[in-house]
């Protein structure tokens, strides 16, 4: 938040549009980091639940969330990513993470402010 507000403020004062765009890019980067963290947290919760319920054959002391999120063919069991190769799925959060209450509204508002700054300067 301080980085983004500093870039927006500097861009408004000095009327430098590339700095405002840098702030919008920072918002995108931080949104990705938060969405990916949320996705990982949900995967580990799913692993914990599967171990606690004893439904899946999971290796003892396994901390690999892929043990639960992959089917027998090595494909993702997440609905939105069934068509996606596994290596991409490891790095790309799904829409449920991007649109969650803790990621979507916060970062969309920051990006909207940044785009308003870009429009005002331009």
PDB file of N, CA and C in Angstrom:
ATOM      1  N   UNK A   1       0.815  -1.194   0.000  1.00  0.00           N
ATOM      2  CA  UNK A   1       0.000   0.000   0.000  1.00  0.00           C
ATOM      3  C   UNK A   1       0.864   1.266   0.000  1.00  0.00           C
ATOM      4  N   UNK A   2       1.904   1.357   0.833  1.00  0.00           N
ATOM      5  CA  UNK A   2       2.735   2.569   0.787  1.00  0.00           C
ATOM      6  C   UNK A   2       3.426   2.769  -0.566  1.00  0.00           C
ATOM      7  N   UNK A   3       3.842   1.674  -1.194  1.00  0.00           N
ATOM      8  CA  UNK A   3       4.503   1.799  -2.494  1.00  0.00           C
ATOM      9  C   UNK A   3       3.527   2.347  -3.526  1.00  0.00           C
ATOM     10  N   UNK A   4       2.336   1.817  -3.519  1.00  0.00           N
ATOM     11  CA  UNK A   4       1.334   2.223  -4.510  1.00  0.00           C
ATOM     12  C   UNK A   4       0.910   3.668  -4.291  1.00  0.00           C
ATOM     13  N   UNK A   5       0.629   4.046  -3.062  1.00  0.00           N
ATOM     14  CA  UNK A   5       0.209   5.426  -2.803  1.00  0.00           C
ATOM     15  C   UNK A   5       1.343   6.405  -3.078  1.00  0.00           C
ATOM     16  N   UNK A   6       2.575   6.003  -2.808  1.00  0.00           N
ATOM     17  CA  UNK A   6       3.711   6.882  -3.105  1.00  0.00           C
ATOM     18  C   UNK A   6       3.867   7.082  -4.610  1.00  0.00           C
ATOM     19  N   UNK A   7       3.717   6.019  -5.380  1.00  0.00           N
ATOM     20  CA  UNK A   7       3.841   6.172  -6.835  1.00  0.00           C
ATOM     21  C   UNK A   7       2.694   7.004  -7.405  1.00  0.00           C
ATOM     22  N   UNK A   8       1.482   6.800  -6.902  1.00  0.00           N
ATOM     23  CA  UNK A   8       0.358   7.601  -7.378  1.00  0.00           C
ATOM     24  C   UNK A   8       0.536   9.068  -7.000  1.00  0.00           C
ATOM     25  N   UNK A   9       0.955   9.321  -5.771  1.00  0.00           N
ATOM     26  CA  UNK A   9       1.165  10.697  -5.329  1.00  0.00           C
ATOM     27  C   UNK A   9       2.266  11.390  -6.117  1.00  0.00           C
ATOM     28  N   UNK A  10       3.368  10.715  -6.315  1.00  0.00           N
ATOM     29  CA  UNK A  10       4.467  11.292  -7.095  1.00  0.00           C
ATOM     30  C   UNK A  10       4.022  11.559  -8.527  1.00  0.00           C
ATOM     31  N   UNK A  11       3.283  10.622  -9.110  1.00  0.00           N
ATOM     32  CA  UNK A  11       2.815  10.794 -10.485  1.00  0.00           C
ATOM     33  C   UNK A  11       1.876  11.990 -10.602  1.00  0.00           C
ATOM     34  N   UNK A  12       1.013  12.197  -9.618  1.00  0.00           N
ATOM     35  CA  UNK A  12       0.104  13.347  -9.652  1.00  0.00           C
ATOM     36  C   UNK A  12       0.843  14.663  -9.492  1.00  0.00           C
ATOM     37  N   UNK A  13       1.788  14.709  -8.570  1.00  0.00           N
ATOM     38  CA  UNK A  13       2.506  15.960  -8.310  1.00  0.00           C
ATOM     39  C   UNK A  13       3.409  16.342  -9.479  1.00  0.00           C
ATOM     40  N   UNK A  14       4.147  15.369  -9.976  1.00  0.00           N
ATOM     41  CA  UNK A  14       5.112  15.635 -11.045  1.00  0.00           C
ATOM     42  C   UNK A  14       4.522  15.453 -12.447  1.00  0.00           C
ATOM     43  N   UNK A  15       3.290  14.982 -12.535  1.00  0.00           N
ATOM     44  CA  UNK A  15       2.607  14.723 -13.810  1.00  0.00           C
ATOM     45  C   UNK A  15       3.435  13.797 -14.711  1.00  0.00           C
ATOM     46  N   UNK A  16       3.791  12.634 -14.147  1.00  0.00           N
ATOM     47  CA  UNK A  16       4.587  11.629 -14.850  1.00  0.00           C
ATOM     48  C   UNK A  16       3.719  10.377 -14.987  1.00  0.00           C
ATOM     49  N   UNK A  17       3.194  10.163 -16.178  1.00  0.00           N
ATOM     50  CA  UNK A  17       2.283   9.048 -16.410  1.00  0.00           C
ATOM     51  C   UNK A  17       2.952   7.674 -16.256  1.00  0.00           C
ATOM     52  N   UNK A  18       4.203   7.471 -16.692  1.00  0.00           N
ATOM     53  CA  UNK A  18       4.822   6.148 -16.517  1.00  0.00           C
ATOM     54  C   UNK A  18       4.953   5.722 -15.047  1.00  0.00           C
ATOM     55  N   UNK A  19       5.102   6.680 -14.161  1.00  0.00           N
ATOM     56  CA  UNK A  19       5.178   6.335 -12.734  1.00  0.00           C
ATOM     57  C   UNK A  19       3.820   5.847 -12.234  1.00  0.00           C
ATOM     58  N   UNK A  20       2.757   6.460 -12.711  1.00  0.00           N
ATOM     59  CA  UNK A  20       1.413   5.998 -12.346  1.00  0.00           C
ATOM     60  C   UNK A  20       1.176   4.593 -12.887  1.00  0.00           C
ATOM     61  N   UNK A  21       1.635   4.330 -14.094  1.00  0.00           N
ATOM     62  CA  UNK A  21       1.502   2.987 -14.653  1.00  0.00           C
ATOM     63  C   UNK A  21       2.340   1.982 -13.869  1.00  0.00           C
ATOM     64  N   UNK A  22       3.464   2.424 -13.349  1.00  0.00           N
ATOM     65  CA  UNK A  22       4.281   1.563 -12.487  1.00  0.00           C
ATOM     66  C   UNK A  22       3.507   1.210 -11.215  1.00  0.00           C
ATOM     67  N   UNK A  23       2.765   2.168 -10.681  1.00  0.00           N
ATOM     68  CA  UNK A  23       1.930   1.895  -9.512  1.00  0.00           C
ATOM     69  C   UNK A  23       0.828   0.890  -9.823  1.00  0.00           C
ATOM     70  N   UNK A  24       0.220   1.000 -11.006  1.00  0.00           N
ATOM     71  CA  UNK A  24      -0.810   0.040 -11.410  1.00  0.00           C
ATOM     72  C   UNK A  24      -0.192  -1.348 -11.575  1.00  0.00           C
ATOM     73  N   UNK A  25       1.027  -1.408 -12.128  1.00  0.00           N
ATOM     74  CA  UNK A  25       1.723  -2.695 -12.265  1.00  0.00           C
ATOM     75  C   UNK A  25       2.027  -3.292 -10.891  1.00  0.00           C
ATOM     76  N   UNK A  26       2.396  -2.441  -9.931  1.00  0.00           N
ATOM     77  CA  UNK A  26       2.654  -2.919  -8.568  1.00  0.00           C
ATOM     78  C   UNK A  26       1.383  -3.488  -7.947  1.00  0.00           C
ATOM     79  N   UNK A  27       0.250  -2.852  -8.207  1.00  0.00           N
ATOM     80  CA  UNK A  27      -1.032  -3.377  -7.719  1.00  0.00           C
ATOM     81  C   UNK A  27      -1.274  -4.766  -8.291  1.00  0.00           C
ATOM     82  N   UNK A  28      -1.019  -4.932  -9.583  1.00  0.00           N
ATOM     83  CA  UNK A  28      -1.190  -6.246 -10.213  1.00  0.00           C
ATOM     84  C   UNK A  28      -0.281  -7.292  -9.606  1.00  0.00           C
ATOM     85  N   UNK A  29       0.965  -6.930  -9.349  1.00  0.00           N
ATOM     86  CA  UNK A  29       1.913  -7.865  -8.750  1.00  0.00           C
ATOM     87  C   UNK A  29       1.477  -8.271  -7.345  1.00  0.00           C
ATOM     88  N   UNK A  30       1.103  -7.302  -6.529  1.00  0.00           N
ATOM     89  CA  UNK A  30       0.690  -7.620  -5.162  1.00  0.00           C
ATOM     90  C   UNK A  30      -0.625  -8.401  -5.139  1.00  0.00           C
ATOM     91  N   UNK A  31      -1.515  -8.120  -6.078  1.00  0.00           N
ATOM     92  CA  UNK A  31      -2.763  -8.890  -6.172  1.00  0.00           C
ATOM     93  C   UNK A  31      -2.449 -10.339  -6.505  1.00  0.00           C
ATOM     94  N   UNK A  32      -1.520 -10.551  -7.437  1.00  0.00           N
ATOM     95  CA  UNK A  32      -1.122 -11.918  -7.785  1.00  0.00           C
ATOM     96  C   UNK A  32      -0.529 -12.636  -6.570  1.00  0.00           C
ATOM     97  N   UNK A  33       0.330 -11.966  -5.831  1.00  0.00           N
ATOM     98  CA  UNK A  33       0.943 -12.592  -4.652  1.00  0.00           C
ATOM     99  C   UNK A  33      -0.114 -12.967  -3.616  1.00  0.00           C
ATOM    100  N   UNK A  34      -1.069 -12.073  -3.361  1.00  0.00           N
ATOM    101  CA  UNK A  34      -2.127 -12.383  -2.395  1.00  0.00           C
ATOM    102  C   UNK A  34      -3.029 -13.511  -2.879  1.00  0.00           C
ATOM    103  N   UNK A  35      -3.391 -13.494  -4.151  1.00  0.00           N
ATOM    104  CA  UNK A  35      -4.263 -14.552  -4.689  1.00  0.00           C
ATOM    105  C   UNK A  35      -3.549 -15.898  -4.658  1.00  0.00           C
ATOM    106  N   UNK A  36      -2.269 -15.910  -4.966  1.00  0.00           N
ATOM    107  CA  UNK A  36      -1.515 -17.159  -4.934  1.00  0.00           C
ATOM    108  C   UNK A  36      -1.381 -17.673  -3.498  1.00  0.00           C
ATOM    109  N   UNK A  37      -1.164 -16.776  -2.549  1.00  0.00           N
ATOM    110  CA  UNK A  37      -1.091 -17.185  -1.147  1.00  0.00           C
ATOM    111  C   UNK A  37      -2.419 -17.798  -0.705  1.00  0.00           C
ATOM    112  N   UNK A  38      -3.518 -17.170  -1.092  1.00  0.00           N
ATOM    113  CA  UNK A  38      -4.842 -17.686  -0.730  1.00  0.00           C
ATOM    114  C   UNK A  38      -5.075 -19.062  -1.352  1.00  0.00           C
ATOM    115  N   UNK A  39      -4.665 -19.233  -2.603  1.00  0.00           N
ATOM    116  CA  UNK A  39      -4.810 -20.529  -3.262  1.00  0.00           C
ATOM    117  C   UNK A  39      -4.007 -21.605  -2.540  1.00  0.00           C
ATOM    118  N   UNK A  40      -2.769 -21.285  -2.158  1.00  0.00           N
ATOM    119  CA  UNK A  40      -1.938 -22.255  -1.444  1.00  0.00           C
ATOM    120  C   UNK A  40      -2.544 -22.597  -0.085  1.00  0.00           C
ATOM    121  N   UNK A  41      -3.055 -21.598   0.600  1.00  0.00           N
ATOM    122  CA  UNK A  41      -3.673 -21.844   1.900  1.00  0.00           C
ATOM    123  C   UNK A  41      -4.865 -22.791   1.759  1.00  0.00           C
ATOM    124  N   UNK A  42      -5.682 -22.579   0.750  1.00  0.00           N
ATOM    125  CA  UNK A  42      -6.835 -23.451   0.531  1.00  0.00           C
ATOM    126  C   UNK A  42      -6.400 -24.871   0.185  1.00  0.00           C
ATOM    127  N   UNK A  43      -5.324 -25.012  -0.567  1.00  0.00           N
ATOM    128  CA  UNK A  43      -4.829 -26.346  -0.919  1.00  0.00           C
ATOM    129  C   UNK A  43      -4.340 -27.087   0.329  1.00  0.00           C
ATOM    130  N   UNK A  44      -3.657 -26.382   1.226  1.00  0.00           N
ATOM    131  CA  UNK A  44      -3.192 -27.030   2.442  1.00  0.00           C
ATOM    132  C   UNK A  44      -4.347 -27.359   3.380  1.00  0.00           C
ATOM    133  N   UNK A  45      -5.375 -26.516   3.391  1.00  0.00           N
ATOM    134  CA  UNK A  45      -6.568 -26.851   4.183  1.00  0.00           C
ATOM    135  C   UNK A  45      -7.226 -28.118   3.644  1.00  0.00           C
ATOM    136  N   UNK A  46      -7.277 -28.248   2.312  1.00  0.00           N
ATOM    137  CA  UNK A  46      -7.848 -29.439   1.690  1.00  0.00           C
ATOM    138  C   UNK A  46      -7.031 -30.680   2.060  1.00  0.00           C
ATOM    139  N   UNK A  47      -5.711 -30.544   2.080  1.00  0.00           N
ATOM    140  CA  UNK A  47      -4.847 -31.654   2.479  1.00  0.00           C
ATOM    141  C   UNK A  47      -5.105 -32.035   3.929  1.00  0.00           C
ATOM    142  N   UNK A  48      -5.202 -31.048   4.813  1.00  0.00           N
ATOM    143  CA  UNK A  48      -5.466 -31.314   6.222  1.00  0.00           C
ATOM    144  C   UNK A  48      -6.801 -32.037   6.396  1.00  0.00           C
ATOM    145  N   UNK A  49      -7.822 -31.548   5.693  1.00  0.00           N
ATOM    146  CA  UNK A  49      -9.148 -32.155   5.808  1.00  0.00           C
ATOM    147  C   UNK A  49      -9.123 -33.603   5.316  1.00  0.00           C
ATOM    148  N   UNK A  50      -8.422 -33.854   4.220  1.00  0.00           N
ATOM    149  CA  UNK A  50      -8.347 -35.218   3.684  1.00  0.00           C
ATOM    150  C   UNK A  50      -7.633 -36.149   4.660  1.00  0.00           C
ATOM    151  N   UNK A  51      -6.590 -35.666   5.298  1.00  0.00           N
ATOM    152  CA  UNK A  51      -5.867 -36.496   6.279  1.00  0.00           C
ATOM    153  C   UNK A  51      -6.740 -36.722   7.508  1.00  0.00           C
ATOM    154  N   UNK A  52      -7.411 -35.670   7.979  1.00  0.00           N
ATOM    155  CA  UNK A  52      -8.243 -35.785   9.177  1.00  0.00           C
ATOM    156  C   UNK A  52      -9.413 -36.741   8.960  1.00  0.00           C
ATOM    157  N   UNK A  53      -9.991 -36.726   7.769  1.00  0.00           N
ATOM    158  CA  UNK A  53     -11.123 -37.599   7.483  1.00  0.00           C
ATOM    159  C   UNK A  53     -10.679 -39.005   7.092  1.00  0.00           C
ATOM    160  N   UNK A  54      -9.441 -39.152   6.687  1.00  0.00           N
ATOM    161  CA  UNK A  54      -8.917 -40.461   6.322  1.00  0.00           C
ATOM    162  C   UNK A  54      -9.498 -41.018   5.040  1.00  0.00           C
ATOM    163  N   UNK A  55      -9.999 -40.163   4.163  1.00  0.00           N
ATOM    164  CA  UNK A  55     -10.636 -40.625   2.938  1.00  0.00           C
ATOM    165  C   UNK A  55      -9.647 -40.983   1.843  1.00  0.00           C
ATOM    166  N   UNK A  56      -8.536 -40.283   1.775  1.00  0.00           N
ATOM    167  CA  UNK A  56      -7.562 -40.509   0.708  1.00  0.00           C
ATOM    168  C   UNK A  56      -6.364 -41.293   1.231  1.00  0.00           C
ATOM    169  N   UNK A  57      -5.711 -41.971   0.339  1.00  0.00           N
ATOM    170  CA  UNK A  57      -4.465 -42.649   0.671  1.00  0.00           C
ATOM    171  C   UNK A  57      -3.338 -41.636   0.552  1.00  0.00           C
ATOM    172  N   UNK A  58      -2.995 -41.007   1.655  1.00  0.00           N
ATOM    173  CA  UNK A  58      -1.957 -39.983   1.659  1.00  0.00           C
ATOM    174  C   UNK A  58      -0.802 -40.480   2.507  1.00  0.00           C
ATOM    175  N   UNK A  59       0.400 -40.308   1.982  1.00  0.00           N
ATOM    176  CA  UNK A  59       1.592 -40.736   2.685  1.00  0.00           C
ATOM    177  C   UNK A  59       1.677 -40.054   4.045  1.00  0.00           C
ATOM    178  N   UNK A  60       2.112 -40.792   5.045  1.00  0.00           N
ATOM    179  CA  UNK A  60       2.240 -40.236   6.390  1.00  0.00           C
ATOM    180  C   UNK A  60       3.225 -39.075   6.366  1.00  0.00           C
ATOM    181  N   UNK A  61       2.894 -38.001   7.043  1.00  0.00           N
ATOM    182  CA  UNK A  61       3.686 -36.776   7.156  1.00  0.00           C
ATOM    183  C   UNK A  61       3.879 -36.065   5.823  1.00  0.00           C
ATOM    184  N   UNK A  62       3.012 -36.306   4.882  1.00  0.00           N
ATOM    185  CA  UNK A  62       3.104 -35.621   3.595  1.00  0.00           C
ATOM    186  C   UNK A  62       2.656 -34.173   3.749  1.00  0.00           C
ATOM    187  N   UNK A  63       3.426 -33.276   3.198  1.00  0.00           N
ATOM    188  CA  UNK A  63       3.040 -31.871   3.165  1.00  0.00           C
ATOM    189  C   UNK A  63       2.868 -31.405   1.731  1.00  0.00           C
ATOM    190  N   UNK A  64       2.581 -32.327   0.839  1.00  0.00           N
ATOM    191  CA  UNK A  64       2.396 -32.003  -0.565  1.00  0.00           C
ATOM    192  C   UNK A  64       0.905 -31.889  -0.861  1.00  0.00           C
ATOM    193  N   UNK A  65       0.408 -30.662  -1.088  1.00  0.00           N
ATOM    194  CA  UNK A  65      -1.026 -30.522  -1.343  1.00  0.00           C
ATOM    195  C   UNK A  65      -1.452 -31.163  -2.655  1.00  0.00           C
ATOM    196  N   UNK A  66      -0.502 -31.473  -3.546  1.00  0.00           N
ATOM    197  CA  UNK A  66      -0.857 -32.159  -4.791  1.00  0.00           C
ATOM    198  C   UNK A  66      -1.362 -33.568  -4.532  1.00  0.00           C
ATOM    199  N   UNK A  67      -1.080 -34.122  -3.365  1.00  0.00           N
ATOM    200  CA  UNK A  67      -1.587 -35.455  -3.045  1.00  0.00           C
ATOM    201  C   UNK A  67      -3.110 -35.485  -3.039  1.00  0.00           C
ATOM    202  N   UNK A  68      -3.732 -34.345  -2.788  1.00  0.00           N
ATOM    203  CA  UNK A  68      -5.191 -34.257  -2.743  1.00  0.00           C
ATOM    204  C   UNK A  68      -5.741 -33.605  -3.999  1.00  0.00           C
ATOM    205  N   UNK A  69      -5.024 -32.642  -4.571  1.00  0.00           N
ATOM    206  CA  UNK A  69      -5.575 -31.852  -5.667  1.00  0.00           C
ATOM    207  C   UNK A  69      -5.328 -32.445  -7.042  1.00  0.00           C
ATOM    208  N   UNK A  70      -4.697 -33.615  -7.136  1.00  0.00           N
ATOM    209  CA  UNK A  70      -4.505 -34.257  -8.429  1.00  0.00           C
ATOM    210  C   UNK A  70      -5.281 -35.561  -8.473  1.00  0.00           C
ATOM    211  N   UNK A  71      -5.842 -35.872  -9.633  1.00  0.00           N
ATOM    212  CA  UNK A  71      -6.513 -37.158  -9.768  1.00  0.00           C
ATOM    213  C   UNK A  71      -5.478 -38.227 -10.130  1.00  0.00           C
ATOM    214  N   UNK A  72      -5.913 -39.414 -10.414  1.00  0.00           N
ATOM    215  CA  UNK A  72      -5.003 -40.512 -10.708  1.00  0.00           C
ATOM    216  C   UNK A  72      -4.149 -40.302 -11.949  1.00  0.00           C
ATOM    217  N   UNK A  73      -4.604 -39.452 -12.875  1.00  0.00           N
ATOM    218  CA  UNK A  73      -3.870 -39.205 -14.116  1.00  0.00           C
ATOM    219  C   UNK A  73      -2.907 -38.029 -14.012  1.00  0.00           C
ATOM    220  N   UNK A  74      -2.786 -37.424 -12.836  1.00  0.00           N
ATOM    221  CA  UNK A  74      -1.904 -36.280 -12.676  1.00  0.00           C
ATOM    222  C   UNK A  74      -2.520 -34.964 -13.101  1.00  0.00           C
ATOM    223  N   UNK A  75      -3.836 -34.945 -13.358  1.00  0.00           N
ATOM    224  CA  UNK A  75      -4.536 -33.718 -13.730  1.00  0.00           C
ATOM    225  C   UNK A  75      -5.127 -33.072 -12.479  1.00  0.00           C
ATOM    226  N   UNK A  76      -5.329 -31.762 -12.542  1.00  0.00           N
ATOM    227  CA  UNK A  76      -5.879 -31.038 -11.411  1.00  0.00           C
ATOM    228  C   UNK A  76      -7.339 -31.407 -11.198  1.00  0.00           C
ATOM    229  N   UNK A  77      -7.748 -31.467  -9.932  1.00  0.00           N
ATOM    230  CA  UNK A  77      -9.151 -31.716  -9.623  1.00  0.00           C
ATOM    231  C   UNK A  77      -9.916 -30.408  -9.437  1.00  0.00           C
ATOM    232  N   UNK A  78      -9.230 -29.273  -9.518  1.00  0.00           N
ATOM    233  CA  UNK A  78      -9.903 -27.990  -9.423  1.00  0.00           C
ATOM    234  C   UNK A  78     -10.689 -27.768 -10.708  1.00  0.00           C
ATOM    235  N   UNK A  79     -11.959 -27.385 -10.580  1.00  0.00           N
ATOM    236  CA  UNK A  79     -12.868 -27.314 -11.721  1.00  0.00           C
ATOM    237  C   UNK A  79     -12.365 -26.422 -12.844  1.00  0.00           C
ATOM    238  N   UNK A  80     -11.851 -25.274 -12.530  1.00  0.00           N
ATOM    239  CA  UNK A  80     -11.484 -24.317 -13.559  1.00  0.00           C
ATOM    240  C   UNK A  80     -10.195 -24.699 -14.276  1.00  0.00           C
ATOM    241  N   UNK A  81      -9.389 -25.584 -13.706  1.00  0.00           N
ATOM    242  CA  UNK A  81      -8.059 -25.856 -14.260  1.00  0.00           C
ATOM    243  C   UNK A  81      -7.919 -27.248 -14.862  1.00  0.00           C
ATOM    244  N   UNK A  82      -9.010 -27.938 -15.107  1.00  0.00           N
ATOM    245  CA  UNK A  82      -8.894 -29.302 -15.626  1.00  0.00           C
ATOM    246  C   UNK A  82      -8.254 -29.349 -17.008  1.00  0.00           C
ATOM    247  N   UNK A  83      -8.410 -28.320 -17.796  1.00  0.00           N
ATOM    248  CA  UNK A  83      -7.845 -28.277 -19.135  1.00  0.00           C
ATOM    249  C   UNK A  83      -6.395 -27.801 -19.130  1.00  0.00           C
ATOM    250  N   UNK A  84      -5.949 -27.246 -18.011  1.00  0.00           N
ATOM    251  CA  UNK A  84      -4.653 -26.591 -17.950  1.00  0.00           C
ATOM    252  C   UNK A  84      -3.531 -27.581 -17.618  1.00  0.00           C
ATOM    253  N   UNK A  85      -2.376 -27.440 -18.250  1.00  0.00           N
ATOM    254  CA  UNK A  85      -1.249 -28.293 -17.873  1.00  0.00           C
ATOM    255  C   UNK A  85      -0.852 -28.067 -16.416  1.00  0.00           C
ATOM    256  N   UNK A  86      -0.315 -29.093 -15.805  1.00  0.00           N
ATOM    257  CA  UNK A  86      -0.005 -29.049 -14.374  1.00  0.00           C
ATOM    258  C   UNK A  86       1.005 -27.954 -14.030  1.00  0.00           C
ATOM    259  N   UNK A  87       1.997 -27.719 -14.880  1.00  0.00           N
ATOM    260  CA  UNK A  87       3.024 -26.733 -14.542  1.00  0.00           C
ATOM    261  C   UNK A  87       2.474 -25.312 -14.543  1.00  0.00           C
ATOM    262  N   UNK A  88       1.454 -25.046 -15.350  1.00  0.00           N
ATOM    263  CA  UNK A  88       0.832 -23.722 -15.320  1.00  0.00           C
ATOM    264  C   UNK A  88      -0.059 -23.597 -14.091  1.00  0.00           C
ATOM    265  N   UNK A  89      -0.769 -24.659 -13.760  1.00  0.00           N
ATOM    266  CA  UNK A  89      -1.670 -24.646 -12.613  1.00  0.00           C
ATOM    267  C   UNK A  89      -0.918 -24.365 -11.313  1.00  0.00           C
ATOM    268  N   UNK A  90       0.349 -24.727 -11.248  1.00  0.00           N
ATOM    269  CA  UNK A  90       1.134 -24.477 -10.036  1.00  0.00           C
ATOM    270  C   UNK A  90       1.335 -22.989  -9.773  1.00  0.00           C
ATOM    271  N   UNK A  91       1.287 -22.154 -10.823  1.00  0.00           N
ATOM    272  CA  UNK A  91       1.608 -20.738 -10.679  1.00  0.00           C
ATOM    273  C   UNK A  91       0.437 -19.793 -10.876  1.00  0.00           C
ATOM    274  N   UNK A  92      -0.706 -20.301 -11.276  1.00  0.00           N
ATOM    275  CA  UNK A  92      -1.814 -19.428 -11.614  1.00  0.00           C
ATOM    276  C   UNK A  92      -3.021 -19.681 -10.718  1.00  0.00           C
ATOM    277  N   UNK A  93      -3.358 -18.725  -9.854  1.00  0.00           N
ATOM    278  CA  UNK A  93      -4.550 -18.881  -9.017  1.00  0.00           C
ATOM    279  C   UNK A  93      -5.818 -18.839  -9.875  1.00  0.00           C
ATOM    280  N   UNK A  94      -6.830 -19.515  -9.409  1.00  0.00           N
ATOM    281  CA  UNK A  94      -8.096 -19.550 -10.132  1.00  0.00           C
ATOM    282  C   UNK A  94      -8.978 -18.364  -9.799  1.00  0.00           C
ATOM    283  N   UNK A  95     -10.112 -18.272 -10.469  1.00  0.00           N
ATOM    284  CA  UNK A  95     -11.021 -17.151 -10.246  1.00  0.00           C
ATOM    285  C   UNK A  95     -11.556 -17.091  -8.817  1.00  0.00           C
ATOM    286  N   UNK A  96     -11.653 -18.230  -8.146  1.00  0.00           N
ATOM    287  CA  UNK A  96     -12.136 -18.203  -6.763  1.00  0.00           C
ATOM    288  C   UNK A  96     -11.171 -17.444  -5.858  1.00  0.00           C
ATOM    289  N   UNK A  97      -9.891 -17.484  -6.142  1.00  0.00           N
ATOM    290  CA  UNK A  97      -8.907 -16.724  -5.349  1.00  0.00           C
ATOM    291  C   UNK A  97      -8.892 -15.257  -5.763  1.00  0.00           C
ATOM    292  N   UNK A  98      -8.941 -14.997  -7.065  1.00  0.00           N
ATOM    293  CA  UNK A  98      -8.901 -13.609  -7.543  1.00  0.00           C
ATOM    294  C   UNK A  98     -10.128 -12.822  -7.109  1.00  0.00           C
ATOM    295  N   UNK A  99     -11.286 -13.469  -7.083  1.00  0.00           N
ATOM    296  CA  UNK A  99     -12.531 -12.768  -6.790  1.00  0.00           C
ATOM    297  C   UNK A  99     -12.969 -12.890  -5.331  1.00  0.00           C
ATOM    298  N   UNK A 100     -12.102 -13.416  -4.481  1.00  0.00           N
ATOM    299  CA  UNK A 100     -12.473 -13.546  -3.066  1.00  0.00           C
ATOM    300  C   UNK A 100     -12.608 -12.162  -2.435  1.00  0.00           C
ATOM    301  N   UNK A 101     -13.291 -12.108  -1.314  1.00  0.00           N
ATOM    302  CA  UNK A 101     -13.543 -10.829  -0.662  1.00  0.00           C
ATOM    303  C   UNK A 101     -12.252 -10.159  -0.191  1.00  0.00           C
ATOM    304  N   UNK A 102     -11.201 -10.930   0.043  1.00  0.00           N
ATOM    305  CA  UNK A 102      -9.967 -10.338   0.560  1.00  0.00           C
ATOM    306  C   UNK A 102      -9.012  -9.890  -0.534  1.00  0.00           C
ATOM    307  N   UNK A 103      -9.235 -10.286  -1.774  1.00  0.00           N
ATOM    308  CA  UNK A 103      -8.325  -9.921  -2.860  1.00  0.00           C
ATOM    309  C   UNK A 103      -9.018  -9.002  -3.864  1.00  0.00           C
ATOM    310  N   UNK A 104     -10.122  -9.442  -4.418  1.00  0.00           N
ATOM    311  CA  UNK A 104     -10.774  -8.720  -5.502  1.00  0.00           C
ATOM    312  C   UNK A 104     -11.135  -7.271  -5.216  1.00  0.00           C
ATOM    313  N   UNK A 105     -11.989  -7.003  -4.243  1.00  0.00           N
ATOM    314  CA  UNK A 105     -12.412  -5.615  -4.016  1.00  0.00           C
ATOM    315  C   UNK A 105     -11.264  -4.678  -3.650  1.00  0.00           C
ATOM    316  N   UNK A 106     -10.345  -5.147  -2.846  1.00  0.00           N
ATOM    317  CA  UNK A 106      -9.234  -4.306  -2.403  1.00  0.00           C
ATOM    318  C   UNK A 106      -8.353  -3.891  -3.579  1.00  0.00           C
ATOM    319  N   UNK A 107      -7.916  -4.859  -4.358  1.00  0.00           N
ATOM    320  CA  UNK A 107      -6.990  -4.555  -5.446  1.00  0.00           C
ATOM    321  C   UNK A 107      -7.691  -3.924  -6.646  1.00  0.00           C
ATOM    322  N   UNK A 108      -8.955  -4.241  -6.864  1.00  0.00           N
ATOM    323  CA  UNK A 108      -9.684  -3.567  -7.934  1.00  0.00           C
ATOM    324  C   UNK A 108      -9.849  -2.083  -7.628  1.00  0.00           C
ATOM    325  N   UNK A 109     -10.092  -1.758  -6.363  1.00  0.00           N
ATOM    326  CA  UNK A 109     -10.210  -0.346  -5.980  1.00  0.00           C
ATOM    327  C   UNK A 109      -8.875   0.374  -6.160  1.00  0.00           C
ATOM    328  N   UNK A 110      -7.779  -0.261  -5.748  1.00  0.00           N
ATOM    329  CA  UNK A 110      -6.462   0.362  -5.920  1.00  0.00           C
ATOM    330  C   UNK A 110      -6.125   0.540  -7.401  1.00  0.00           C
ATOM    331  N   UNK A 111      -6.460  -0.447  -8.211  1.00  0.00           N
ATOM    332  CA  UNK A 111      -6.197  -0.332  -9.649  1.00  0.00           C
ATOM    333  C   UNK A 111      -7.066   0.753 -10.275  1.00  0.00           C
ATOM    334  N   UNK A 112      -8.314   0.868  -9.825  1.00  0.00           N
ATOM    335  CA  UNK A 112      -9.199   1.907 -10.352  1.00  0.00           C
ATOM    336  C   UNK A 112      -8.665   3.299 -10.027  1.00  0.00           C
ATOM    337  N   UNK A 113      -8.157   3.474  -8.817  1.00  0.00           N
ATOM    338  CA  UNK A 113      -7.554   4.761  -8.446  1.00  0.00           C
ATOM    339  C   UNK A 113      -6.350   5.039  -9.332  1.00  0.00           C
ATOM    340  N   UNK A 114      -5.535   4.017  -9.559  1.00  0.00           N
ATOM    341  CA  UNK A 114      -4.363   4.188 -10.412  1.00  0.00           C
ATOM    342  C   UNK A 114      -4.741   4.558 -11.843  1.00  0.00           C
ATOM    343  N   UNK A 115      -5.758   3.895 -12.372  1.00  0.00           N
ATOM    344  CA  UNK A 115      -6.186   4.211 -13.728  1.00  0.00           C
ATOM    345  C   UNK A 115      -6.799   5.617 -13.802  1.00  0.00           C
ATOM    346  N   UNK A 116      -7.453   6.055 -12.736  1.00  0.00           N
ATOM    347  CA  UNK A 116      -7.957   7.427 -12.679  1.00  0.00           C
ATOM    348  C   UNK A 116      -6.811   8.426 -12.663  1.00  0.00           C
ATOM    349  N   UNK A 117      -5.739   8.103 -11.959  1.00  0.00           N
ATOM    350  CA  UNK A 117      -4.551   8.975 -11.940  1.00  0.00           C
ATOM    351  C   UNK A 117      -3.932   9.036 -13.332  1.00  0.00           C
ATOM    352  N   UNK A 118      -3.824   7.883 -13.990  1.00  0.00           N
ATOM    353  CA  UNK A 118      -3.275   7.842 -15.349  1.00  0.00           C
ATOM    354  C   UNK A 118      -4.139   8.690 -16.278  1.00  0.00           C
ATOM    355  N   UNK A 119      -5.472   8.589 -16.169  1.00  0.00           N
ATOM    356  CA  UNK A 119      -6.372   9.353 -17.028  1.00  0.00           C
ATOM    357  C   UNK A 119      -6.276  10.865 -16.747  1.00  0.00           C
ATOM    358  N   UNK A 120      -6.110  11.228 -15.486  1.00  0.00           N
ATOM    359  CA  UNK A 120      -6.024  12.648 -15.122  1.00  0.00           C
ATOM    360  C   UNK A 120      -4.742  13.265 -15.659  1.00  0.00           C
ATOM    361  N   UNK A 121      -3.661  12.504 -15.609  1.00  0.00           N
ATOM    362  CA  UNK A 121      -2.382  13.025 -16.085  1.00  0.00           C
ATOM    363  C   UNK A 121      -2.360  13.098 -17.615  1.00  0.00           C
ATOM    364  N   UNK A 122      -2.917  12.057 -18.247  1.00  0.00           N
ATOM    365  CA  UNK A 122      -2.866  11.952 -19.709  1.00  0.00           C
ATOM    366  C   UNK A 122      -3.766  12.906 -20.355  1.00  0.00           C
TER     367      UNK A 122
END
